[in-house]
N, C-alpha and C. Protein backbone atom coordinates (compact mmCIF):
# COMPACT_ATOMS: atom_id res chain seq x y z
N MET A 1 -14.45 14.27 21.43
CA MET A 1 -13.95 13.33 19.61
C MET A 1 -12.94 13.40 18.81
N ALA A 2 -12.06 12.40 18.56
CA ALA A 2 -10.65 12.93 18.07
C ALA A 2 -11.20 13.22 16.32
N GLU A 3 -10.28 13.51 15.67
CA GLU A 3 -11.04 14.17 14.32
C GLU A 3 -10.32 13.75 13.24
N LEU A 4 -10.34 13.68 11.72
CA LEU A 4 -9.24 13.70 11.32
C LEU A 4 -9.06 15.15 10.74
N ASP A 5 -7.69 14.51 9.74
CA ASP A 5 -7.08 16.44 9.17
C ASP A 5 -7.86 16.54 8.49
N ARG A 6 -8.71 17.85 8.28
CA ARG A 6 -8.97 18.30 7.26
C ARG A 6 -8.34 18.77 6.14
N THR A 7 -7.57 19.45 6.51
CA THR A 7 -6.22 19.47 5.24
C THR A 7 -5.26 18.88 4.19
N ARG A 8 -5.17 17.93 5.96
CA ARG A 8 -4.24 16.24 5.16
C ARG A 8 -4.96 16.01 3.62
N TRP A 9 -6.55 15.90 4.44
CA TRP A 9 -7.61 15.39 2.73
C TRP A 9 -7.42 15.95 2.03
N ILE A 10 -7.44 17.09 2.03
CA ILE A 10 -7.42 18.39 1.07
C ILE A 10 -6.31 17.96 0.32
N GLU A 11 -4.63 18.01 0.94
CA GLU A 11 -3.92 18.18 0.39
C GLU A 11 -3.62 16.50 -0.70
N LEU A 12 -4.16 15.68 0.09
CA LEU A 12 -3.72 14.59 -0.78
C LEU A 12 -4.33 14.11 -1.62
N LEU A 13 -6.14 15.12 -1.74
CA LEU A 13 -6.55 14.25 -2.95
C LEU A 13 -6.00 15.74 -3.67
N SER A 14 -5.22 17.05 -3.57
CA SER A 14 -5.11 17.75 -4.74
C SER A 14 -4.34 16.93 -4.80
N ARG A 15 -2.88 16.37 -4.55
CA ARG A 15 -1.75 15.12 -5.08
C ARG A 15 -2.19 14.38 -6.79
N LEU A 16 -3.33 13.36 -5.77
CA LEU A 16 -3.92 12.62 -6.19
C LEU A 16 -5.07 13.15 -7.46
N GLY A 17 -4.76 13.54 -7.27
CA GLY A 17 -5.92 14.38 -8.96
C GLY A 17 -7.42 14.72 -8.23
N GLY A 18 -7.92 14.85 -6.70
CA GLY A 18 -9.29 13.99 -7.13
C GLY A 18 -9.63 15.01 -6.14
N ARG A 19 -11.14 15.49 -5.66
CA ARG A 19 -11.73 16.04 -5.27
C ARG A 19 -13.03 16.13 -4.72
N ASP A 20 -13.40 17.33 -2.95
CA ASP A 20 -14.15 16.57 -2.69
C ASP A 20 -15.16 17.59 -1.63
N PRO A 21 -15.63 18.26 -3.02
CA PRO A 21 -15.54 19.96 -3.37
C PRO A 21 -16.44 19.52 -1.62
N ASP A 22 -17.53 19.42 -1.99
CA ASP A 22 -18.11 19.25 -0.33
C ASP A 22 -18.46 18.77 1.26
N LEU A 23 -16.67 18.52 0.83
CA LEU A 23 -16.45 17.67 2.09
C LEU A 23 -16.82 15.88 2.98
N ARG A 24 -17.86 15.51 1.74
CA ARG A 24 -19.24 14.56 2.28
C ARG A 24 -17.89 13.54 2.40
N GLN A 25 -17.23 13.40 1.83
CA GLN A 25 -16.66 12.27 1.70
C GLN A 25 -15.64 11.97 3.25
N LEU A 26 -15.18 12.58 3.49
CA LEU A 26 -14.77 12.77 4.98
C LEU A 26 -15.67 13.08 5.59
N ALA A 27 -16.23 13.27 5.65
CA ALA A 27 -16.70 13.21 6.41
C ALA A 27 -18.27 11.78 6.90
N GLU A 28 -17.94 11.03 5.64
CA GLU A 28 -18.14 9.42 6.03
C GLU A 28 -17.11 8.97 6.10
N LEU A 29 -16.15 9.04 6.52
CA LEU A 29 -14.58 8.13 7.22
C LEU A 29 -15.01 8.71 8.26
N GLN A 30 -15.22 9.97 8.91
CA GLN A 30 -14.82 11.43 10.34
C GLN A 30 -15.97 9.59 11.16
N GLY A 31 -17.82 9.80 10.24
CA GLY A 31 -18.14 8.83 10.96
C GLY A 31 -17.48 6.95 10.83
N ALA A 32 -17.56 6.89 10.32
CA ALA A 32 -17.12 4.76 10.10
C ALA A 32 -16.36 5.61 11.51
N TYR A 33 -15.59 5.44 11.28
CA TYR A 33 -13.96 5.90 11.88
C TYR A 33 -14.37 6.11 13.42
N SER A 34 -16.26 6.64 14.14
CA SER A 34 -15.77 6.67 15.27
C SER A 34 -16.85 5.97 15.70
N GLU A 35 -17.86 5.15 15.35
CA GLU A 35 -18.74 4.56 14.98
C GLU A 35 -17.85 3.58 16.60
N ALA A 36 -19.02 4.01 17.86
CA ALA A 36 -19.70 3.07 19.15
C ALA A 36 -18.62 1.75 19.25
N HIS A 37 -18.86 1.08 18.61
CA HIS A 37 -18.09 -0.02 18.89
C HIS A 37 -16.45 -0.57 18.45
N ARG A 38 -15.73 1.01 18.20
CA ARG A 38 -14.97 0.88 18.01
C ARG A 38 -13.71 1.69 18.95
N TYR A 39 -13.56 0.19 19.67
CA TYR A 39 -11.97 0.88 20.62
C TYR A 39 -10.95 1.01 20.37
N TYR A 40 -10.95 0.35 19.30
CA TYR A 40 -9.62 0.02 18.39
C TYR A 40 -8.90 0.82 18.03
N HIS A 41 -9.89 -0.15 16.54
CA HIS A 41 -10.18 0.65 15.07
C HIS A 41 -10.58 1.60 14.77
N ASN A 42 -10.48 3.03 15.27
CA ASN A 42 -11.31 4.65 14.67
C ASN A 42 -9.96 5.25 14.83
N VAL A 43 -10.49 6.77 15.11
CA VAL A 43 -10.17 7.65 14.67
C VAL A 43 -8.35 7.46 14.64
N THR A 44 -8.11 7.10 16.18
CA THR A 44 -6.51 7.58 16.43
C THR A 44 -6.23 6.46 16.15
N HIS A 45 -6.39 5.17 15.94
CA HIS A 45 -5.85 4.13 15.21
C HIS A 45 -5.57 4.73 13.58
N LEU A 46 -6.19 5.24 12.74
CA LEU A 46 -5.98 5.33 11.81
C LEU A 46 -5.09 7.09 11.83
N ARG A 47 -5.07 7.85 12.38
CA ARG A 47 -3.74 8.77 12.30
C ARG A 47 -3.01 7.88 12.49
N GLY A 48 -2.46 6.92 14.15
CA GLY A 48 -1.11 6.78 14.03
C GLY A 48 -0.71 6.52 13.02
N CYS A 49 -1.56 5.12 11.69
CA CYS A 49 -0.90 4.91 10.51
C CYS A 49 -0.73 5.76 9.65
N LEU A 50 -1.29 7.22 9.52
CA LEU A 50 -0.94 8.25 8.74
C LEU A 50 0.50 9.16 9.13
N LYS A 51 0.56 8.45 10.34
CA LYS A 51 1.79 9.34 11.43
C LYS A 51 2.99 8.60 11.15
N LEU A 52 2.98 7.16 10.85
CA LEU A 52 3.96 6.50 10.33
C LEU A 52 4.23 6.65 8.89
N CYS A 53 3.09 7.19 8.18
CA CYS A 53 3.31 6.55 6.75
C CYS A 53 3.85 8.06 6.02
N ASP A 54 3.84 9.37 7.10
CA ASP A 54 4.25 10.76 6.70
C ASP A 54 6.43 10.14 7.09
N ALA A 55 6.39 9.42 8.24
CA ALA A 55 7.69 8.84 8.62
C ALA A 55 8.37 7.95 8.07
N LEU A 56 7.72 6.95 7.40
CA LEU A 56 8.36 6.15 6.36
C LEU A 56 8.08 6.54 4.55
N ARG A 57 7.66 7.94 4.31
CA ARG A 57 7.69 8.58 3.38
C ARG A 57 8.05 7.90 2.09
N ASP A 58 9.58 8.07 2.18
CA ASP A 58 10.76 8.60 0.85
C ASP A 58 10.95 6.60 1.30
N HIS A 59 10.63 6.03 1.58
CA HIS A 59 9.96 4.60 0.95
C HIS A 59 8.62 4.08 0.19
N PHE A 60 8.15 5.21 -0.09
CA PHE A 60 7.03 4.65 -1.15
C PHE A 60 7.26 4.68 -3.03
N ARG A 61 6.82 4.03 -2.75
CA ARG A 61 6.83 4.21 -4.64
C ARG A 61 5.81 5.31 -4.97
N GLN A 62 4.93 5.24 -4.55
CA GLN A 62 4.07 6.31 -4.79
C GLN A 62 2.87 6.57 -3.15
N PRO A 63 3.48 6.59 -2.35
CA PRO A 63 3.27 7.43 -1.13
C PRO A 63 1.59 7.49 -0.61
N ASP A 64 1.26 8.33 -2.44
CA ASP A 64 -0.25 9.12 -2.28
C ASP A 64 -0.86 7.86 -2.22
N GLU A 65 -0.23 7.31 -3.15
CA GLU A 65 -1.72 5.86 -2.91
C GLU A 65 -2.14 4.47 -1.25
N ALA A 66 -1.04 5.08 -1.29
CA ALA A 66 -0.18 3.94 -0.22
C ALA A 66 -1.13 4.74 0.68
N GLU A 67 -1.53 6.30 0.80
CA GLU A 67 -1.78 6.77 2.34
C GLU A 67 -3.23 7.05 2.31
N LEU A 68 -3.79 7.22 0.67
CA LEU A 68 -4.87 7.29 0.56
C LEU A 68 -5.42 5.63 0.84
N ALA A 69 -4.90 4.73 0.61
CA ALA A 69 -5.08 2.72 1.40
C ALA A 69 -5.18 3.19 2.92
N LEU A 70 -4.33 3.60 3.44
CA LEU A 70 -4.56 3.75 5.58
C LEU A 70 -5.80 4.26 5.60
N TRP A 71 -5.95 5.91 4.93
CA TRP A 71 -6.94 6.23 5.06
C TRP A 71 -8.90 5.53 4.69
N TYR A 72 -8.59 4.23 4.01
CA TYR A 72 -9.95 4.00 4.55
C TYR A 72 -9.67 2.03 4.50
N HIS A 73 -8.40 1.79 4.41
CA HIS A 73 -7.63 0.21 5.17
C HIS A 73 -9.55 -0.02 6.70
N ASP A 74 -9.40 0.90 6.98
CA ASP A 74 -11.22 0.38 8.18
C ASP A 74 -11.85 0.98 8.29
N ALA A 75 -11.83 1.38 7.23
CA ALA A 75 -13.15 2.38 6.79
C ALA A 75 -14.50 1.93 6.94
N VAL A 76 -14.84 0.59 6.44
CA VAL A 76 -15.79 -0.74 7.28
C VAL A 76 -14.79 -1.61 8.37
N TYR A 77 -16.17 -1.90 8.98
CA TYR A 77 -14.94 -2.03 10.66
C TYR A 77 -16.26 -3.15 11.02
N ARG A 78 -16.57 -4.03 11.41
CA ARG A 78 -18.16 -4.07 11.40
C ARG A 78 -17.39 -6.14 13.01
N THR A 79 -18.02 -6.56 13.58
CA THR A 79 -16.71 -8.08 13.31
C THR A 79 -17.67 -9.09 14.00
N ARG A 80 -19.32 -8.73 13.33
CA ARG A 80 -19.29 -9.81 13.03
C ARG A 80 -19.82 -10.42 11.37
N SER A 81 -18.49 -10.10 10.61
CA SER A 81 -18.14 -10.40 9.26
C SER A 81 -16.71 -9.75 9.40
N ASP A 82 -16.62 -10.88 7.93
CA ASP A 82 -15.19 -11.85 7.83
C ASP A 82 -15.18 -10.74 6.16
N HIS A 83 -15.57 -9.84 5.75
CA HIS A 83 -15.20 -9.00 4.65
C HIS A 83 -15.23 -7.67 4.65
N ASN A 84 -14.56 -7.23 6.05
CA ASN A 84 -14.24 -5.79 5.95
C ASN A 84 -13.09 -5.35 4.71
N GLU A 85 -12.06 -5.98 4.62
CA GLU A 85 -11.28 -5.85 3.89
C GLU A 85 -11.69 -5.36 2.54
N ALA A 86 -12.12 -6.99 1.74
CA ALA A 86 -12.92 -5.67 0.51
C ALA A 86 -13.78 -4.96 0.45
N ASP A 87 -14.57 -4.66 1.64
CA ASP A 87 -15.79 -3.54 2.03
C ASP A 87 -15.24 -2.17 1.19
N SER A 88 -13.78 -2.74 2.33
CA SER A 88 -13.59 -1.24 2.42
C SER A 88 -12.54 -0.70 1.00
N ALA A 89 -12.21 -1.79 0.55
CA ALA A 89 -11.02 -1.78 -0.55
C ALA A 89 -12.60 -1.41 -1.74
N ASP A 90 -13.74 -1.74 -1.86
CA ASP A 90 -15.45 -1.64 -2.56
C ASP A 90 -15.11 0.15 -1.91
N TRP A 91 -15.39 0.51 -1.24
CA TRP A 91 -15.44 1.51 -1.13
C TRP A 91 -14.69 3.20 -1.36
N ALA A 92 -13.04 2.70 -0.91
CA ALA A 92 -11.65 3.37 -1.70
C ALA A 92 -12.31 3.50 -3.57
N ARG A 93 -12.52 2.64 -3.63
CA ARG A 93 -12.48 2.21 -5.38
C ARG A 93 -13.91 3.01 -6.06
N ARG A 94 -14.85 2.92 -5.51
CA ARG A 94 -15.67 3.50 -5.52
C ARG A 94 -15.32 5.26 -5.22
N PHE A 95 -14.64 6.06 -4.43
CA PHE A 95 -14.40 6.70 -4.87
C PHE A 95 -13.59 7.78 -5.25
N CYS A 96 -12.36 6.40 -5.69
CA CYS A 96 -11.15 7.22 -6.66
C CYS A 96 -11.54 7.46 -7.93
N GLU A 97 -12.78 6.80 -7.98
CA GLU A 97 -13.19 6.73 -9.59
C GLU A 97 -14.49 7.50 -9.98
N SER A 98 -14.86 8.15 -8.17
CA SER A 98 -16.08 9.38 -8.02
C SER A 98 -15.35 10.91 -8.59
N SER A 99 -14.49 10.72 -8.12
CA SER A 99 -13.93 11.91 -7.27
C SER A 99 -12.67 12.94 -8.19
N GLY A 100 -12.67 11.89 -9.58
CA GLY A 100 -11.32 12.41 -10.47
C GLY A 100 -9.95 11.54 -10.29
N ILE A 101 -10.34 10.29 -9.43
CA ILE A 101 -8.76 10.03 -9.22
C ILE A 101 -8.52 8.84 -9.93
N GLY A 102 -9.38 8.56 -10.53
CA GLY A 102 -9.30 7.79 -12.35
C GLY A 102 -8.91 5.60 -10.87
N ALA A 103 -9.70 4.99 -12.41
CA ALA A 103 -9.20 3.59 -12.02
C ALA A 103 -8.48 3.21 -12.02
N GLU A 104 -7.19 3.45 -12.55
CA GLU A 104 -6.46 2.89 -12.34
C GLU A 104 -4.97 2.81 -10.87
N ALA A 105 -5.10 4.35 -10.06
CA ALA A 105 -4.78 4.26 -8.97
C ALA A 105 -5.90 3.80 -7.84
N ALA A 106 -7.00 3.52 -8.58
CA ALA A 106 -8.45 2.89 -7.44
C ALA A 106 -8.22 1.86 -7.08
N ALA A 107 -7.20 1.22 -8.85
CA ALA A 107 -7.09 -0.80 -8.63
C ALA A 107 -6.18 -0.90 -7.58
N ARG A 108 -5.15 -0.06 -7.39
CA ARG A 108 -3.85 -0.29 -6.79
C ARG A 108 -4.12 0.21 -5.06
N VAL A 109 -5.00 1.37 -4.63
CA VAL A 109 -5.34 1.21 -3.96
C VAL A 109 -6.34 0.57 -2.96
N ALA A 110 -7.04 -0.42 -3.91
CA ALA A 110 -7.74 -1.05 -3.73
C ALA A 110 -6.87 -2.36 -3.30
N GLU A 111 -6.00 -3.24 -4.08
CA GLU A 111 -5.43 -3.83 -3.98
C GLU A 111 -4.47 -3.89 -2.14
N LEU A 112 -3.66 -2.93 -2.48
CA LEU A 112 -3.51 -2.48 -1.24
C LEU A 112 -4.03 -2.29 0.82
N ILE A 113 -5.76 -2.15 0.52
CA ILE A 113 -6.54 -1.97 1.21
C ILE A 113 -6.49 -3.58 1.21
N LEU A 114 -7.23 -4.15 0.60
CA LEU A 114 -6.48 -6.28 0.31
C LEU A 114 -6.19 -6.76 1.44
N ASN A 115 -5.00 -6.22 1.29
CA ASN A 115 -3.80 -7.12 1.49
C ASN A 115 -3.55 -7.07 4.16
N THR A 116 -4.23 -5.88 3.71
CA THR A 116 -4.62 -5.64 5.39
C THR A 116 -4.76 -6.15 6.04
N ALA A 117 -5.62 -7.39 5.33
CA ALA A 117 -6.69 -9.41 6.03
C ALA A 117 -5.17 -9.75 6.21
N HIS A 118 -4.15 -9.33 5.69
CA HIS A 118 -3.31 -9.82 6.63
C HIS A 118 -2.91 -11.52 6.76
N GLY A 119 -2.90 -11.89 5.04
CA GLY A 119 -2.60 -13.54 4.94
C GLY A 119 -0.81 -13.68 4.77
N GLU A 120 -0.97 -14.96 5.08
CA GLU A 120 0.65 -15.06 4.65
C GLU A 120 0.70 -14.91 2.84
N GLN A 121 0.92 -14.05 2.74
CA GLN A 121 1.45 -13.74 1.31
C GLN A 121 2.43 -13.05 1.29
N SER A 122 3.16 -13.50 0.08
CA SER A 122 4.42 -13.15 -0.12
C SER A 122 4.35 -11.11 -0.42
N LEU A 123 4.31 -10.70 -0.36
CA LEU A 123 4.85 -8.71 -0.32
C LEU A 123 5.71 -8.07 -0.20
N GLU A 124 6.04 -6.66 -1.47
CA GLU A 124 6.87 -6.60 -1.33
C GLU A 124 6.52 -4.82 -1.47
N GLY A 125 7.35 -3.97 -1.26
CA GLY A 125 7.15 -2.33 -1.91
C GLY A 125 6.42 -2.14 -0.81
N ASP A 126 4.96 -1.37 -1.41
CA ASP A 126 4.25 -0.69 -1.33
C ASP A 126 2.92 -1.48 -0.23
N ALA A 127 2.58 -2.76 -0.70
CA ALA A 127 2.03 -3.68 0.28
C ALA A 127 2.87 -4.35 1.52
N ALA A 128 3.76 -3.89 1.36
CA ALA A 128 4.14 -4.60 2.37
C ALA A 128 4.78 -3.64 4.20
N LEU A 129 4.57 -2.03 2.86
CA LEU A 129 4.58 -1.42 3.95
C LEU A 129 3.91 -1.21 4.36
N VAL A 130 2.66 -0.57 3.52
CA VAL A 130 0.94 -0.98 4.55
C VAL A 130 0.33 -1.29 5.02
N CYS A 131 0.93 -3.08 5.33
CA CYS A 131 0.37 -4.17 6.53
C CYS A 131 1.53 -3.39 7.25
N ASP A 132 3.25 -3.01 7.31
CA ASP A 132 3.42 -3.63 8.23
C ASP A 132 3.61 -1.94 9.34
N ILE A 133 2.69 -0.75 8.31
CA ILE A 133 1.86 0.28 9.23
C ILE A 133 0.67 0.00 9.66
N ASP A 134 0.21 -0.88 9.07
CA ASP A 134 -1.19 -1.47 10.17
C ASP A 134 -0.77 -1.97 11.47
N LEU A 135 0.85 -3.39 11.19
CA LEU A 135 0.79 -4.21 11.90
C LEU A 135 1.53 -3.83 13.27
N ALA A 136 1.71 -2.42 13.01
CA ALA A 136 3.24 -1.58 13.87
C ALA A 136 2.92 -1.85 15.66
N ILE A 137 1.64 -2.08 16.04
CA ILE A 137 1.12 -1.63 17.60
C ILE A 137 1.58 -3.19 17.62
N LEU A 138 2.27 -4.01 16.73
CA LEU A 138 2.12 -5.94 17.77
C LEU A 138 3.72 -4.74 18.04
N GLY A 139 4.21 -4.32 17.83
CA GLY A 139 5.43 -4.18 18.31
C GLY A 139 6.53 -2.61 19.06
N PHE A 140 5.14 -2.60 19.36
CA PHE A 140 5.54 -0.94 20.50
C PHE A 140 5.61 -1.44 21.76
N PRO A 141 5.29 -0.98 23.12
CA PRO A 141 6.24 -0.99 24.38
C PRO A 141 4.94 -2.11 24.98
N ALA A 142 4.85 -2.18 25.74
CA ALA A 142 4.37 -3.66 26.12
C ALA A 142 2.66 -3.11 26.70
N ALA A 143 3.27 -1.55 27.62
CA ALA A 143 1.72 -1.00 28.25
C ALA A 143 0.99 -0.56 26.95
N ALA A 144 1.83 0.00 25.67
CA ALA A 144 0.82 0.17 24.93
C ALA A 144 -0.49 -1.35 23.48
N TYR A 145 1.03 -2.22 23.49
CA TYR A 145 0.01 -3.36 22.77
C TYR A 145 -0.77 -4.20 24.15
N ASP A 146 -0.01 -3.96 25.36
CA ASP A 146 -1.54 -4.69 26.88
C ASP A 146 -2.44 -4.11 26.03
N ASP A 147 -2.64 -2.67 26.42
CA ASP A 147 -3.88 -1.69 25.79
C ASP A 147 -4.49 -2.22 24.47
N PHE A 148 -4.40 -2.21 23.86
CA PHE A 148 -4.53 -3.12 22.44
C PHE A 148 -4.84 -4.38 22.84
N GLU A 149 -4.88 -5.59 23.01
CA GLU A 149 -5.38 -6.12 23.32
C GLU A 149 -7.10 -6.00 24.52
N GLN A 150 -6.38 -5.77 25.36
CA GLN A 150 -8.44 -4.69 25.87
C GLN A 150 -9.07 -4.59 24.82
N ARG A 151 -8.79 -3.66 24.35
CA ARG A 151 -9.38 -3.12 23.16
C ARG A 151 -10.23 -3.57 21.94
N ILE A 152 -9.43 -4.63 21.78
CA ILE A 152 -9.40 -6.02 20.78
C ILE A 152 -11.29 -6.82 21.65
N ARG A 153 -10.33 -7.04 23.01
CA ARG A 153 -11.76 -7.60 24.09
C ARG A 153 -12.77 -6.86 23.72
N ARG A 154 -12.91 -5.62 24.09
CA ARG A 154 -13.74 -4.67 24.00
C ARG A 154 -14.23 -4.67 23.15
N GLU A 155 -13.68 -5.30 21.92
CA GLU A 155 -14.74 -4.29 20.40
C GLU A 155 -15.66 -5.89 20.28
N TYR A 156 -15.43 -6.73 20.83
CA TYR A 156 -15.87 -8.66 20.69
C TYR A 156 -16.31 -8.78 21.88
N HIS A 157 -17.15 -8.26 22.12
CA HIS A 157 -17.61 -7.78 23.59
C HIS A 157 -18.73 -9.22 23.46
N TRP A 158 -19.19 -9.21 22.27
CA TRP A 158 -20.68 -10.36 22.96
C TRP A 158 -19.58 -11.30 22.17
N VAL A 159 -18.83 -11.53 21.83
CA VAL A 159 -18.24 -12.76 22.12
C VAL A 159 -17.41 -14.07 23.42
N GLU A 160 -18.46 -15.17 24.02
CA GLU A 160 -17.62 -15.80 24.93
C GLU A 160 -16.09 -15.43 25.16
N GLU A 161 -16.08 -16.34 26.44
CA GLU A 161 -14.82 -15.89 26.44
C GLU A 161 -14.03 -16.88 25.97
N ASP A 162 -14.54 -18.35 26.61
CA ASP A 162 -13.61 -18.91 25.69
C ASP A 162 -13.52 -18.96 24.57
N GLN A 163 -14.36 -18.67 24.10
CA GLN A 163 -14.48 -18.72 22.21
C GLN A 163 -13.27 -17.71 21.46
N PHE A 164 -13.58 -16.40 22.39
CA PHE A 164 -12.26 -15.29 22.31
C PHE A 164 -11.69 -15.48 22.40
N ILE A 165 -11.05 -16.59 23.71
CA ILE A 165 -9.81 -16.49 23.96
C ILE A 165 -9.27 -17.80 23.17
N GLU A 166 -9.96 -18.85 22.11
CA GLU A 166 -9.63 -19.98 21.23
C GLU A 166 -9.37 -19.16 20.29
N ALA A 167 -9.86 -18.13 19.42
CA ALA A 167 -9.95 -17.08 18.27
C ALA A 167 -8.66 -16.14 18.66
N ARG A 168 -8.07 -15.97 19.84
CA ARG A 168 -7.01 -15.01 19.44
C ARG A 168 -5.94 -15.43 19.94
N LEU A 169 -5.58 -16.95 20.54
CA LEU A 169 -4.86 -17.87 20.39
C LEU A 169 -4.22 -18.23 18.93
N ALA A 170 -5.52 -18.21 18.30
CA ALA A 170 -4.79 -18.53 17.14
C ALA A 170 -4.45 -17.67 15.78
N ILE A 171 -4.67 -16.84 16.20
CA ILE A 171 -4.29 -15.49 15.41
C ILE A 171 -3.21 -14.91 15.92
N LEU A 172 -2.62 -14.88 17.50
CA LEU A 172 -1.43 -14.64 17.79
C LEU A 172 0.11 -15.64 17.54
N ARG A 173 -0.73 -16.95 18.01
CA ARG A 173 0.28 -18.35 17.03
C ARG A 173 0.58 -18.34 15.35
N GLY A 174 -0.12 -17.62 15.33
CA GLY A 174 -0.25 -17.69 13.30
C GLY A 174 0.91 -16.39 13.38
N PHE A 175 0.60 -15.52 13.74
CA PHE A 175 2.39 -14.84 13.64
C PHE A 175 3.05 -14.95 14.05
N LEU A 176 3.07 -16.03 15.04
CA LEU A 176 4.99 -15.99 15.55
C LEU A 176 5.24 -17.08 15.27
N SER A 177 4.11 -18.24 13.97
CA SER A 177 4.73 -18.86 12.74
C SER A 177 5.22 -18.43 12.50
N ARG A 178 4.99 -16.62 11.58
CA ARG A 178 5.66 -16.58 10.71
C ARG A 178 7.37 -16.57 10.75
N ALA A 179 7.93 -16.94 9.95
CA ALA A 179 9.63 -16.26 9.67
C ALA A 179 10.02 -15.73 9.80
N GLN A 180 8.32 -14.44 9.46
CA GLN A 180 8.90 -13.11 9.30
C GLN A 180 7.55 -11.91 10.15
N ILE A 181 7.58 -11.47 11.03
CA ILE A 181 6.19 -10.98 11.01
C ILE A 181 6.32 -9.46 10.09
N TYR A 182 6.69 -8.47 9.87
CA TYR A 182 6.84 -7.79 8.96
C TYR A 182 8.19 -7.85 7.79
N ARG A 183 6.85 -7.66 7.08
CA ARG A 183 7.80 -7.68 4.88
C ARG A 183 8.47 -6.54 4.83
N SER A 184 8.73 -5.44 5.76
CA SER A 184 9.21 -4.29 5.04
C SER A 184 10.12 -4.45 5.54
N ALA A 185 11.91 -4.07 5.09
CA ALA A 185 12.93 -3.71 5.62
C ALA A 185 12.93 -1.84 6.66
N ALA A 186 11.74 -1.76 6.42
CA ALA A 186 11.94 -0.49 7.63
C ALA A 186 11.59 -0.62 8.36
N LEU A 187 10.33 -1.09 8.71
CA LEU A 187 10.09 -1.80 10.30
C LEU A 187 10.11 -3.17 11.18
N ARG A 188 10.28 -3.82 10.09
CA ARG A 188 10.92 -5.42 10.27
C ARG A 188 12.48 -4.80 11.49
N PRO A 189 13.11 -4.83 11.21
CA PRO A 189 14.30 -4.68 12.74
C PRO A 189 14.46 -3.55 13.32
N VAL A 190 12.99 -2.63 13.53
CA VAL A 190 12.91 -2.41 14.69
C VAL A 190 11.87 -2.41 15.41
N LEU A 191 10.94 -3.37 14.66
CA LEU A 191 9.25 -3.89 15.32
C LEU A 191 9.51 -5.26 15.98
N GLU A 192 9.68 -5.77 14.94
CA GLU A 192 9.98 -7.55 14.78
C GLU A 192 10.03 -8.18 16.14
N ASP A 193 11.27 -8.13 16.63
CA ASP A 193 11.77 -8.31 18.78
C ASP A 193 10.76 -7.89 19.73
N SER A 194 10.03 -6.90 19.50
CA SER A 194 9.07 -6.28 20.15
C SER A 194 7.87 -7.08 20.35
N ALA A 195 7.73 -7.77 19.17
CA ALA A 195 5.88 -7.92 18.62
C ALA A 195 6.33 -9.11 19.88
N ARG A 196 7.47 -9.55 18.56
CA ARG A 196 7.11 -11.07 19.17
C ARG A 196 7.47 -11.31 21.02
N ALA A 197 7.85 -10.59 21.34
CA ALA A 197 7.62 -10.38 23.01
C ALA A 197 6.42 -10.33 23.13
N ASN A 198 6.09 -9.13 23.16
CA ASN A 198 4.61 -9.32 23.35
C ASN A 198 3.43 -9.96 22.65
N LEU A 199 3.80 -11.09 21.74
CA LEU A 199 3.18 -12.03 21.15
C LEU A 199 3.06 -13.10 22.04
N ARG A 200 4.12 -13.15 22.53
CA ARG A 200 4.57 -14.33 22.98
C ARG A 200 3.98 -13.98 24.63
N ARG A 201 3.88 -12.76 25.82
CA ARG A 201 3.21 -13.04 26.68
C ARG A 201 1.97 -12.75 27.00
N TRP A 202 1.51 -12.95 25.34
CA TRP A 202 -0.38 -12.40 25.71
C TRP A 202 -0.96 -14.76 25.21
N VAL A 203 0.34 -15.09 24.39
CA VAL A 203 -0.27 -15.95 23.68
C VAL A 203 -0.09 -16.61 25.90
N GLU A 204 0.40 -15.93 26.14
CA GLU A 204 0.78 -16.97 27.75
C GLU A 204 -0.44 -16.53 28.45
N ARG A 205 -0.76 -15.36 28.49
CA ARG A 205 -1.60 -14.48 29.50
C ARG A 205 -3.19 -15.47 28.90
N TRP A 206 -3.20 -15.60 27.66
CA TRP A 206 -4.74 -15.65 27.29
C TRP A 206 -4.81 -16.72 27.98
N SER A 207 -3.64 -17.62 27.52
CA SER A 207 -3.90 -19.19 28.65
C SER A 207 -4.31 -20.05 29.55
N GLN A 208 -4.02 -18.88 29.45
CA GLN A 208 -4.06 -18.48 31.57
C GLN A 208 -5.06 -18.93 31.70
N ARG A 209 -5.69 -17.87 30.65
CA ARG A 209 -6.96 -17.03 31.10
C ARG A 209 -7.72 -18.14 31.39
N ALA A 210 -7.80 -18.81 29.45
CA ALA A 210 -8.77 -20.02 29.27
C ALA A 210 -8.68 -21.06 29.67
N ALA A 211 -7.65 -21.71 31.45
CA ALA A 211 -7.92 -22.02 32.69
C ALA A 211 -8.54 -21.86 33.31
N THR A 212 -9.03 -20.86 33.33
CA THR A 212 -10.33 -20.26 34.42
C THR A 212 -11.55 -19.68 33.87
N ALA A 213 -11.48 -19.68 32.41
CA ALA A 213 -12.64 -19.08 31.90
C ALA A 213 -14.04 -19.86 32.02
N PRO A 214 -15.33 -19.77 32.62
CA PRO A 214 -16.20 -19.84 32.41
C PRO A 214 -16.38 -21.02 31.39
N PRO A 215 -16.87 -21.85 31.27
CA PRO A 215 -17.27 -23.04 30.08
C PRO A 215 -18.24 -22.51 28.97
N LEU A 216 -18.43 -22.75 27.82
CA LEU A 216 -19.67 -22.00 26.31
C LEU A 216 -20.83 -22.68 26.75
N ARG A 217 -21.62 -22.11 27.64
CA ARG A 217 -22.40 -22.78 27.39
C ARG A 217 -23.48 -23.01 26.23
N GLN A 218 -24.51 -23.57 26.30
CA GLN A 218 -24.61 -24.86 25.52
C GLN A 218 -25.89 -25.17 25.29
N ALA A 219 -26.40 -24.64 24.17
CA ALA A 219 -28.02 -24.43 23.64
C ALA A 219 -28.57 -25.41 24.33
N ILE A 220 -29.85 -25.50 24.66
CA ILE A 220 -30.92 -26.27 25.42
C ILE A 220 -32.13 -26.95 24.27
């Protein structure tokens, strides 16, 4: 099982003025990101986000707060819920306030997490970077993106095929309709074109599957 980095966690909290003396919070995050239903939104995804955070550290105004937001951004992930980001933000806020990091930093971290719902609001600075890191997979090489789509389908295994395809197409087309998928100057030039190619390819693929998907069963 993939594990979160204990040393990294301790050092981050130290820089922020926080504490997790018995590492109970780290254990809770490990448990959350290791839940059985997480085929994509898991420890591997979080570690990938943190790796990108390291690469972009000089672009952040508050790099440690941005990193903490990434630690928590998918802390709560339930596929039947539409308020995962709010719940994750609340978890992060409560920990910040109880661990010594403080209410002001807690509010900023929570706001960064809320933005990872990826609405169409205008974002800049650290908020744009955190969101772009979360969405980086969209612009990864085709094989990695294909694996991502398959893992998302597994997370929503309980949804009927035609219903899932309809919802998934709406999401992918929504991103394609945006003037810019990535909001940060750091990642947009690197990932924008490949993200659009991946999204277009899977719009076509899901559309083809929709034509052959069994109809949604009707209740009698």
